[in-house]
Amino acid sequence: MKVLVAIKRVIDYNVKIRVKSDETGVETTNVKMSMNPFDEIAIEEGVRLRENGGAEELVAVSIGPKQTQETIRTALAMGADRGIHVETDDEVEPLAVAKLLHAIVEKENPDLVILGKQAIDDDSNQTGQMLAALLGWSQGTFASELEMSDGKANVTREIDGGLETIQIKLPAVVTTDLRLNTPRYASLPNIMKAKKKPIDESSPADLGVDISARLTTLKVTEPSSREAGVIVEDVAELVDKLKNEAKVI
């Protein structure tokens, strides 16, 4: 079985986001970038499937500028066998990402596609579902547990009411939630080995996909600052403030 994992290069989750002075977006110059945390979980799950004998090859694919190859190398150091880089300096919306992945899936013919349920930069939570629709494949979203057997996948999903377990037929698209696994750290020997693993390069034009933007960002602003809290003397004062000032009761 071949597993394809989609990963994204995003601003590191430890970095404080700063909005550009012209309010056209967030500042990325000289900002630390890393792999989307949900995609790290997807890579880890793919590596575990291969280690358990459920997969023979693990391919990491990413879309973005030249620097995205650093993120792919991280995936290779974690255990992916090879990488695919679709290079573009343009901002790629979820539907365009799904179309690019669709084209790659048709070329690579994997049995399973795993990707994070969302990216922490845009929080769209759309690409996996769109990809499954374009492919006409089964999908299991928000997976917190994944078991493979006899050409089927048992996916335990995190839903509002608790957990739901579904069985889907392969080929399928699975999106990962936080509790699926804990990603491993890449060891130094594996980081060195990753430098020799192949990364195939292409462009949206090579894949025949139009990535023209369908949305226009009018303005990006920081959330309004929160007012300082107030310490009250007793319950009676708290109730009075909730009733007369906050007007929530």
C-alpha atoms as a PDB file:
ATOM      1  CA  MET A   1       0.000   0.000   0.000  1.00  0.00           C
ATOM      2  CA  LYS A   2       1.227   3.488  -0.856  1.00  0.00           C
ATOM      3  CA  VAL A   3       0.451   6.376   1.491  1.00  0.00           C
ATOM      4  CA  LEU A   4       0.541  10.023   0.404  1.00  0.00           C
ATOM      5  CA  VAL A   5       0.764  12.682   3.115  1.00  0.00           C
ATOM      6  CA  ALA A   6       0.141  16.375   2.407  1.00  0.00           C
ATOM      7  CA  ILE A   7       2.047  18.873   4.554  1.00  0.00           C
ATOM      8  CA  LYS A   8       2.111  22.671   4.761  1.00  0.00           C
ATOM      9  CA  ARG A   9       4.754  25.227   5.725  1.00  0.00           C
ATOM     10  CA  VAL A  10       3.277  27.705   8.215  1.00  0.00           C
ATOM     11  CA  ILE A  11       4.431  30.235  10.789  1.00  0.00           C
ATOM     12  CA  ASP A  12       5.683  28.322  13.825  1.00  0.00           C
ATOM     13  CA  TYR A  13       2.996  27.936  16.479  1.00  0.00           C
ATOM     14  CA  ASN A  14       5.274  29.498  19.114  1.00  0.00           C
ATOM     15  CA  VAL A  15       5.658  32.753  17.169  1.00  0.00           C
ATOM     16  CA  LYS A  16       3.478  35.747  18.015  1.00  0.00           C
ATOM     17  CA  ILE A  17       1.653  36.743  14.830  1.00  0.00           C
ATOM     18  CA  ARG A  18       2.137  40.351  13.691  1.00  0.00           C
ATOM     19  CA  VAL A  19      -0.099  42.091  11.166  1.00  0.00           C
ATOM     20  CA  LYS A  20       1.568  44.089   8.386  1.00  0.00           C
ATOM     21  CA  SER A  21       1.398  47.860   8.691  1.00  0.00           C
ATOM     22  CA  ASP A  22      -0.666  48.095   5.485  1.00  0.00           C
ATOM     23  CA  GLU A  23      -3.143  45.472   6.824  1.00  0.00           C
ATOM     24  CA  THR A  24      -2.771  43.267   3.734  1.00  0.00           C
ATOM     25  CA  GLY A  25      -1.800  40.168   5.721  1.00  0.00           C
ATOM     26  CA  VAL A  26       0.502  38.886   8.452  1.00  0.00           C
ATOM     27  CA  GLU A  27       4.233  39.475   8.596  1.00  0.00           C
ATOM     28  CA  THR A  28       6.322  36.523   7.384  1.00  0.00           C
ATOM     29  CA  THR A  29       9.681  38.230   6.776  1.00  0.00           C
ATOM     30  CA  ASN A  30      12.371  36.846   9.104  1.00  0.00           C
ATOM     31  CA  VAL A  31       9.716  34.806  10.897  1.00  0.00           C
ATOM     32  CA  LYS A  32      10.374  31.203  11.934  1.00  0.00           C
ATOM     33  CA  MET A  33       8.427  28.745   9.787  1.00  0.00           C
ATOM     34  CA  SER A  34       7.739  25.067  10.467  1.00  0.00           C
ATOM     35  CA  MET A  35       5.468  22.197   9.520  1.00  0.00           C
ATOM     36  CA  ASN A  36       1.796  22.575  10.358  1.00  0.00           C
ATOM     37  CA  PRO A  37       1.300  20.637  13.655  1.00  0.00           C
ATOM     38  CA  PHE A  38      -1.671  18.647  12.335  1.00  0.00           C
ATOM     39  CA  ASP A  39       0.469  17.605   9.339  1.00  0.00           C
ATOM     40  CA  GLU A  40       3.226  16.408  11.669  1.00  0.00           C
ATOM     41  CA  ILE A  41       0.614  14.050  13.120  1.00  0.00           C
ATOM     42  CA  ALA A  42      -0.274  12.924   9.588  1.00  0.00           C
ATOM     43  CA  ILE A  43       3.373  12.150   8.793  1.00  0.00           C
ATOM     44  CA  GLU A  44       3.768  10.263  12.069  1.00  0.00           C
ATOM     45  CA  GLU A  45       0.696   8.155  11.306  1.00  0.00           C
ATOM     46  CA  GLY A  46       2.050   7.338   7.850  1.00  0.00           C
ATOM     47  CA  VAL A  47       5.399   6.308   9.328  1.00  0.00           C
ATOM     48  CA  ARG A  48       3.675   4.085  11.882  1.00  0.00           C
ATOM     49  CA  LEU A  49       1.623   2.406   9.156  1.00  0.00           C
ATOM     50  CA  ARG A  50       4.801   1.593   7.261  1.00  0.00           C
ATOM     51  CA  GLU A  51       6.598   0.375  10.369  1.00  0.00           C
ATOM     52  CA  ASN A  52       3.662  -1.924  11.169  1.00  0.00           C
ATOM     53  CA  GLY A  53       3.739  -3.391   7.681  1.00  0.00           C
ATOM     54  CA  GLY A  54       0.555  -1.673   6.555  1.00  0.00           C
ATOM     55  CA  ALA A  55       2.311   0.502   3.983  1.00  0.00           C
ATOM     56  CA  GLU A  56       5.220  -0.034   1.636  1.00  0.00           C
ATOM     57  CA  GLU A  57       5.928   3.565   0.606  1.00  0.00           C
ATOM     58  CA  LEU A  58       5.305   6.946   2.230  1.00  0.00           C
ATOM     59  CA  VAL A  59       5.357  10.057   0.064  1.00  0.00           C
ATOM     60  CA  ALA A  60       5.284  13.617   1.456  1.00  0.00           C
ATOM     61  CA  VAL A  61       3.911  16.376  -0.770  1.00  0.00           C
ATOM     62  CA  SER A  62       3.844  20.109  -0.181  1.00  0.00           C
ATOM     63  CA  ILE A  63       2.878  23.231  -2.118  1.00  0.00           C
ATOM     64  CA  GLY A  64       4.632  26.554  -1.689  1.00  0.00           C
ATOM     65  CA  PRO A  65       7.796  28.594  -2.343  1.00  0.00           C
ATOM     66  CA  LYS A  66      11.340  27.278  -2.656  1.00  0.00           C
ATOM     67  CA  GLN A  67      11.789  27.282   1.129  1.00  0.00           C
ATOM     68  CA  THR A  68       9.040  24.660   1.405  1.00  0.00           C
ATOM     69  CA  GLN A  69      11.673  22.042   0.608  1.00  0.00           C
ATOM     70  CA  GLU A  70      12.968  22.528   4.175  1.00  0.00           C
ATOM     71  CA  THR A  71       9.585  21.365   5.462  1.00  0.00           C
ATOM     72  CA  ILE A  72       9.641  18.386   3.117  1.00  0.00           C
ATOM     73  CA  ARG A  73      13.133  17.493   4.385  1.00  0.00           C
ATOM     74  CA  THR A  74      11.704  17.473   7.911  1.00  0.00           C
ATOM     75  CA  ALA A  75       9.066  14.977   6.781  1.00  0.00           C
ATOM     76  CA  LEU A  76      11.784  12.861   5.152  1.00  0.00           C
ATOM     77  CA  ALA A  77      13.787  12.953   8.385  1.00  0.00           C
ATOM     78  CA  MET A  78      10.713  11.765  10.293  1.00  0.00           C
ATOM     79  CA  GLY A  79      10.509   8.743   8.010  1.00  0.00           C
ATOM     80  CA  ALA A  80       8.942   9.588   4.638  1.00  0.00           C
ATOM     81  CA  ASP A  81      10.607   7.835   1.692  1.00  0.00           C
ATOM     82  CA  ARG A  82      10.506  10.667  -0.850  1.00  0.00           C
ATOM     83  CA  GLY A  83       9.002  14.076  -1.385  1.00  0.00           C
ATOM     84  CA  ILE A  84       7.058  16.012  -3.996  1.00  0.00           C
ATOM     85  CA  HIS A  85       7.283  19.810  -4.142  1.00  0.00           C
ATOM     86  CA  VAL A  86       4.833  21.891  -6.169  1.00  0.00           C
ATOM     87  CA  GLU A  87       6.610  25.223  -6.274  1.00  0.00           C
ATOM     88  CA  THR A  88       4.667  28.482  -6.342  1.00  0.00           C
ATOM     89  CA  ASP A  89       5.116  31.855  -4.676  1.00  0.00           C
ATOM     90  CA  ASP A  90       1.394  32.600  -4.892  1.00  0.00           C
ATOM     91  CA  GLU A  91      -1.000  32.130  -1.995  1.00  0.00           C
ATOM     92  CA  VAL A  92      -2.913  28.932  -2.716  1.00  0.00           C
ATOM     93  CA  GLU A  93      -6.500  28.633  -1.505  1.00  0.00           C
ATOM     94  CA  PRO A  94      -7.933  25.316  -0.200  1.00  0.00           C
ATOM     95  CA  LEU A  95      -9.772  24.453  -3.420  1.00  0.00           C
ATOM     96  CA  ALA A  96      -6.623  25.008  -5.486  1.00  0.00           C
ATOM     97  CA  VAL A  97      -4.644  22.863  -3.032  1.00  0.00           C
ATOM     98  CA  ALA A  98      -7.249  20.103  -3.374  1.00  0.00           C
ATOM     99  CA  LYS A  99      -7.027  20.298  -7.179  1.00  0.00           C
ATOM    100  CA  LEU A 100      -3.217  20.101  -7.097  1.00  0.00           C
ATOM    101  CA  LEU A 101      -3.347  17.129  -4.735  1.00  0.00           C
ATOM    102  CA  HIS A 102      -5.958  15.536  -6.993  1.00  0.00           C
ATOM    103  CA  ALA A 103      -3.554  15.784  -9.937  1.00  0.00           C
ATOM    104  CA  ILE A 104      -0.721  14.309  -7.867  1.00  0.00           C
ATOM    105  CA  VAL A 105      -2.922  11.460  -6.617  1.00  0.00           C
ATOM    106  CA  GLU A 106      -3.792  10.565 -10.208  1.00  0.00           C
ATOM    107  CA  LYS A 107      -0.068  10.350 -11.027  1.00  0.00           C
ATOM    108  CA  GLU A 108       1.061   8.569  -7.852  1.00  0.00           C
ATOM    109  CA  ASN A 109      -1.993   6.296  -7.424  1.00  0.00           C
ATOM    110  CA  PRO A 110      -1.799   5.961  -3.611  1.00  0.00           C
ATOM    111  CA  ASP A 111      -4.199   3.838  -1.586  1.00  0.00           C
ATOM    112  CA  LEU A 112      -4.482   6.331   1.265  1.00  0.00           C
ATOM    113  CA  VAL A 113      -4.075  10.105   1.557  1.00  0.00           C
ATOM    114  CA  ILE A 114      -3.506  11.545   5.030  1.00  0.00           C
ATOM    115  CA  LEU A 115      -3.449  15.247   5.865  1.00  0.00           C
ATOM    116  CA  GLY A 116      -4.017  17.471   8.850  1.00  0.00           C
ATOM    117  CA  LYS A 117      -7.622  18.455   9.493  1.00  0.00           C
ATOM    118  CA  GLN A 118      -6.631  22.122   9.130  1.00  0.00           C
ATOM    119  CA  ALA A 119      -3.659  24.459   8.874  1.00  0.00           C
ATOM    120  CA  ILE A 120      -3.024  26.781  11.798  1.00  0.00           C
ATOM    121  CA  ASP A 121      -2.531  29.818   9.538  1.00  0.00           C
ATOM    122  CA  ASP A 122      -5.916  29.971   7.802  1.00  0.00           C
ATOM    123  CA  ASP A 123      -7.894  27.397   9.857  1.00  0.00           C
ATOM    124  CA  SER A 124     -10.000  26.590   6.783  1.00  0.00           C
ATOM    125  CA  ASN A 125     -10.546  22.870   7.452  1.00  0.00           C
ATOM    126  CA  GLN A 126     -11.585  22.358   3.818  1.00  0.00           C
ATOM    127  CA  THR A 127      -8.819  20.729   1.792  1.00  0.00           C
ATOM    128  CA  GLY A 128      -9.325  17.109   2.900  1.00  0.00           C
ATOM    129  CA  GLN A 129     -13.060  17.170   2.269  1.00  0.00           C
ATOM    130  CA  MET A 130     -12.626  18.883  -1.112  1.00  0.00           C
ATOM    131  CA  LEU A 131      -9.969  16.369  -2.162  1.00  0.00           C
ATOM    132  CA  ALA A 132     -12.208  13.420  -1.253  1.00  0.00           C
ATOM    133  CA  ALA A 133     -15.045  14.973  -3.277  1.00  0.00           C
ATOM    134  CA  LEU A 134     -12.822  15.549  -6.336  1.00  0.00           C
ATOM    135  CA  LEU A 135     -11.503  11.985  -6.174  1.00  0.00           C
ATOM    136  CA  GLY A 136     -14.852  10.398  -5.336  1.00  0.00           C
ATOM    137  CA  TRP A 137     -13.138   8.564  -2.465  1.00  0.00           C
ATOM    138  CA  SER A 138     -14.282   7.638   1.026  1.00  0.00           C
ATOM    139  CA  GLN A 139     -13.260  10.076   3.740  1.00  0.00           C
ATOM    140  CA  GLY A 140     -12.690   9.948   7.483  1.00  0.00           C
ATOM    141  CA  THR A 141     -12.254  13.368   9.058  1.00  0.00           C
ATOM    142  CA  PHE A 142     -10.985  14.430  12.513  1.00  0.00           C
ATOM    143  CA  ALA A 143      -9.409  11.020  13.110  1.00  0.00           C
ATOM    144  CA  SER A 144      -8.226  10.272  16.656  1.00  0.00           C
ATOM    145  CA  GLU A 145      -7.608   6.581  15.891  1.00  0.00           C
ATOM    146  CA  LEU A 146      -6.910   4.733  12.641  1.00  0.00           C
ATOM    147  CA  GLU A 147      -6.813   0.971  12.078  1.00  0.00           C
ATOM    148  CA  MET A 148      -6.269  -0.735   8.714  1.00  0.00           C
ATOM    149  CA  SER A 149      -7.504  -4.225   7.804  1.00  0.00           C
ATOM    150  CA  ASP A 150      -8.557  -6.096   4.655  1.00  0.00           C
ATOM    151  CA  GLY A 151      -8.666  -3.060   2.372  1.00  0.00           C
ATOM    152  CA  LYS A 152     -10.719  -1.063   4.857  1.00  0.00           C
ATOM    153  CA  ALA A 153      -9.996   1.575   7.472  1.00  0.00           C
ATOM    154  CA  ASN A 154     -11.669   1.915  10.845  1.00  0.00           C
ATOM    155  CA  VAL A 155     -11.595   5.596  11.735  1.00  0.00           C
ATOM    156  CA  THR A 156     -12.528   6.895  15.176  1.00  0.00           C
ATOM    157  CA  ARG A 157     -13.658  10.490  14.733  1.00  0.00           C
ATOM    158  CA  GLU A 158     -13.869  13.283  17.264  1.00  0.00           C
ATOM    159  CA  ILE A 159     -17.343  14.831  17.111  1.00  0.00           C
ATOM    160  CA  ASP A 160     -19.285  17.266  19.297  1.00  0.00           C
ATOM    161  CA  GLY A 161     -20.995  14.495  21.233  1.00  0.00           C
ATOM    162  CA  GLY A 162     -17.870  12.408  21.848  1.00  0.00           C
ATOM    163  CA  LEU A 163     -16.407   9.772  19.517  1.00  0.00           C
ATOM    164  CA  GLU A 164     -17.772   8.099  16.394  1.00  0.00           C
ATOM    165  CA  THR A 165     -16.196   5.045  14.723  1.00  0.00           C
ATOM    166  CA  ILE A 166     -16.780   4.485  11.018  1.00  0.00           C
ATOM    167  CA  GLN A 167     -15.485   1.920   8.524  1.00  0.00           C
ATOM    168  CA  ILE A 168     -14.489   3.165   5.087  1.00  0.00           C
ATOM    169  CA  LYS A 169     -13.195   1.403   1.998  1.00  0.00           C
ATOM    170  CA  LEU A 170      -9.843   2.152   0.444  1.00  0.00           C
ATOM    171  CA  PRO A 171      -8.773   4.241  -1.381  1.00  0.00           C
ATOM    172  CA  ALA A 172      -9.657   6.946   1.111  1.00  0.00           C
ATOM    173  CA  VAL A 173      -8.777  10.372   2.466  1.00  0.00           C
ATOM    174  CA  VAL A 174      -8.179  10.718   6.225  1.00  0.00           C
ATOM    175  CA  THR A 175      -7.681  13.995   8.108  1.00  0.00           C
ATOM    176  CA  THR A 176      -5.934  13.914  11.467  1.00  0.00           C
ATOM    177  CA  ASP A 177      -6.950  15.374  14.815  1.00  0.00           C
ATOM    178  CA  LEU A 178      -4.643  16.180  17.732  1.00  0.00           C
ATOM    179  CA  ARG A 179      -5.132  12.977  19.709  1.00  0.00           C
ATOM    180  CA  LEU A 180      -4.281  10.562  16.883  1.00  0.00           C
ATOM    181  CA  ASN A 181      -0.622  10.287  17.957  1.00  0.00           C
ATOM    182  CA  THR A 182       2.419  12.167  19.243  1.00  0.00           C
ATOM    183  CA  PRO A 183       4.879  13.011  16.439  1.00  0.00           C
ATOM    184  CA  ARG A 184       8.455  11.854  16.916  1.00  0.00           C
ATOM    185  CA  TYR A 185      11.497  14.095  16.837  1.00  0.00           C
ATOM    186  CA  ALA A 186      13.777  13.597  13.863  1.00  0.00           C
ATOM    187  CA  SER A 187      17.104  12.128  14.992  1.00  0.00           C
ATOM    188  CA  LEU A 188      20.386  13.534  13.708  1.00  0.00           C
ATOM    189  CA  PRO A 189      21.215  10.400  11.644  1.00  0.00           C
ATOM    190  CA  ASN A 190      17.769  10.565  10.004  1.00  0.00           C
ATOM    191  CA  ILE A 191      18.225  14.284   9.301  1.00  0.00           C
ATOM    192  CA  MET A 192      21.472  13.471   7.497  1.00  0.00           C
ATOM    193  CA  LYS A 193      19.813  10.621   5.571  1.00  0.00           C
ATOM    194  CA  ALA A 194      16.957  12.932   4.567  1.00  0.00           C
ATOM    195  CA  LYS A 195      19.389  15.118   2.616  1.00  0.00           C
ATOM    196  CA  LYS A 196      19.920  12.250   0.179  1.00  0.00           C
ATOM    197  CA  LYS A 197      16.266  11.327  -0.280  1.00  0.00           C
ATOM    198  CA  PRO A 198      14.724  12.491  -3.584  1.00  0.00           C
ATOM    199  CA  ILE A 199      12.304  15.400  -3.926  1.00  0.00           C
ATOM    200  CA  ASP A 200      10.440  15.645  -7.237  1.00  0.00           C
ATOM    201  CA  GLU A 201       9.748  19.226  -8.315  1.00  0.00           C
ATOM    202  CA  SER A 202       6.884  20.523 -10.433  1.00  0.00           C
ATOM    203  CA  SER A 203       4.645  23.569 -10.802  1.00  0.00           C
ATOM    204  CA  PRO A 204       0.880  24.131 -10.937  1.00  0.00           C
ATOM    205  CA  ALA A 205       1.217  24.615 -14.692  1.00  0.00           C
ATOM    206  CA  ASP A 206       2.928  21.219 -15.023  1.00  0.00           C
ATOM    207  CA  LEU A 207      -0.067  19.656 -13.277  1.00  0.00           C
ATOM    208  CA  GLY A 208      -2.552  21.599 -15.406  1.00  0.00           C
ATOM    209  CA  VAL A 209      -4.154  23.357 -12.446  1.00  0.00           C
ATOM    210  CA  ASP A 210      -5.247  26.991 -12.341  1.00  0.00           C
ATOM    211  CA  ILE A 211      -4.530  28.384  -8.873  1.00  0.00           C
ATOM    212  CA  SER A 212      -5.912  31.873  -9.512  1.00  0.00           C
ATOM    213  CA  ALA A 213      -7.388  33.369  -6.344  1.00  0.00           C
ATOM    214  CA  ARG A 214     -11.165  33.229  -5.963  1.00  0.00           C
ATOM    215  CA  LEU A 215     -11.203  35.292  -2.784  1.00  0.00           C
ATOM    216  CA  THR A 216      -9.971  38.832  -2.114  1.00  0.00           C
ATOM    217  CA  THR A 217      -8.616  39.808   1.284  1.00  0.00           C
ATOM    218  CA  LEU A 218      -9.933  43.276   2.045  1.00  0.00           C
ATOM    219  CA  LYS A 219      -8.151  43.861   5.337  1.00  0.00           C
ATOM    220  CA  VAL A 220      -6.372  41.978   8.098  1.00  0.00           C
ATOM    221  CA  THR A 221      -6.460  43.448  11.608  1.00  0.00           C
ATOM    222  CA  GLU A 222      -5.432  42.313  15.061  1.00  0.00           C
ATOM    223  CA  PRO A 223      -8.203  41.420  17.523  1.00  0.00           C
ATOM    224  CA  SER A 224      -9.189  44.232  19.844  1.00  0.00           C
ATOM    225  CA  SER A 225      -7.350  44.273  23.162  1.00  0.00           C
ATOM    226  CA  ARG A 226      -9.203  42.926  26.161  1.00  0.00           C
ATOM    227  CA  GLU A 227      -9.931  45.159  29.107  1.00  0.00           C
ATOM    228  CA  ALA A 228      -8.353  44.334  32.449  1.00  0.00           C
ATOM    229  CA  GLY A 229     -10.440  42.277  34.851  1.00  0.00           C
ATOM    230  CA  VAL A 230     -11.951  43.588  38.066  1.00  0.00           C
ATOM    231  CA  ILE A 231     -11.673  41.980  41.505  1.00  0.00           C
ATOM    232  CA  VAL A 232     -14.966  42.047  43.402  1.00  0.00           C
ATOM    233  CA  GLU A 233     -15.402  41.906  47.144  1.00  0.00           C
ATOM    234  CA  ASP A 234     -18.271  39.414  47.327  1.00  0.00           C
ATOM    235  CA  VAL A 235     -20.924  37.524  45.368  1.00  0.00           C
ATOM    236  CA  ALA A 236     -23.440  40.328  45.717  1.00  0.00           C
ATOM    237  CA  GLU A 237     -21.093  42.770  43.940  1.00  0.00           C
ATOM    238  CA  LEU A 238     -20.405  40.183  41.223  1.00  0.00           C
ATOM    239  CA  VAL A 239     -24.121  39.687  40.582  1.00  0.00           C
ATOM    240  CA  ASP A 240     -24.649  43.463  40.540  1.00  0.00           C
ATOM    241  CA  LYS A 241     -21.942  43.985  37.923  1.00  0.00           C
ATOM    242  CA  LEU A 242     -23.177  41.097  35.758  1.00  0.00           C
ATOM    243  CA  LYS A 243     -26.679  42.511  35.890  1.00  0.00           C
ATOM    244  CA  ASN A 244     -26.122  46.274  35.590  1.00  0.00           C
ATOM    245  CA  GLU A 245     -22.782  46.620  33.791  1.00  0.00           C
ATOM    246  CA  ALA A 246     -22.313  43.505  31.669  1.00  0.00           C
ATOM    247  CA  LYS A 247     -26.093  43.070  31.356  1.00  0.00           C
ATOM    248  CA  VAL A 248     -25.765  39.294  30.918  1.00  0.00           C
ATOM    249  CA  ILE A 249     -28.293  38.346  33.582  1.00  0.00           C
END
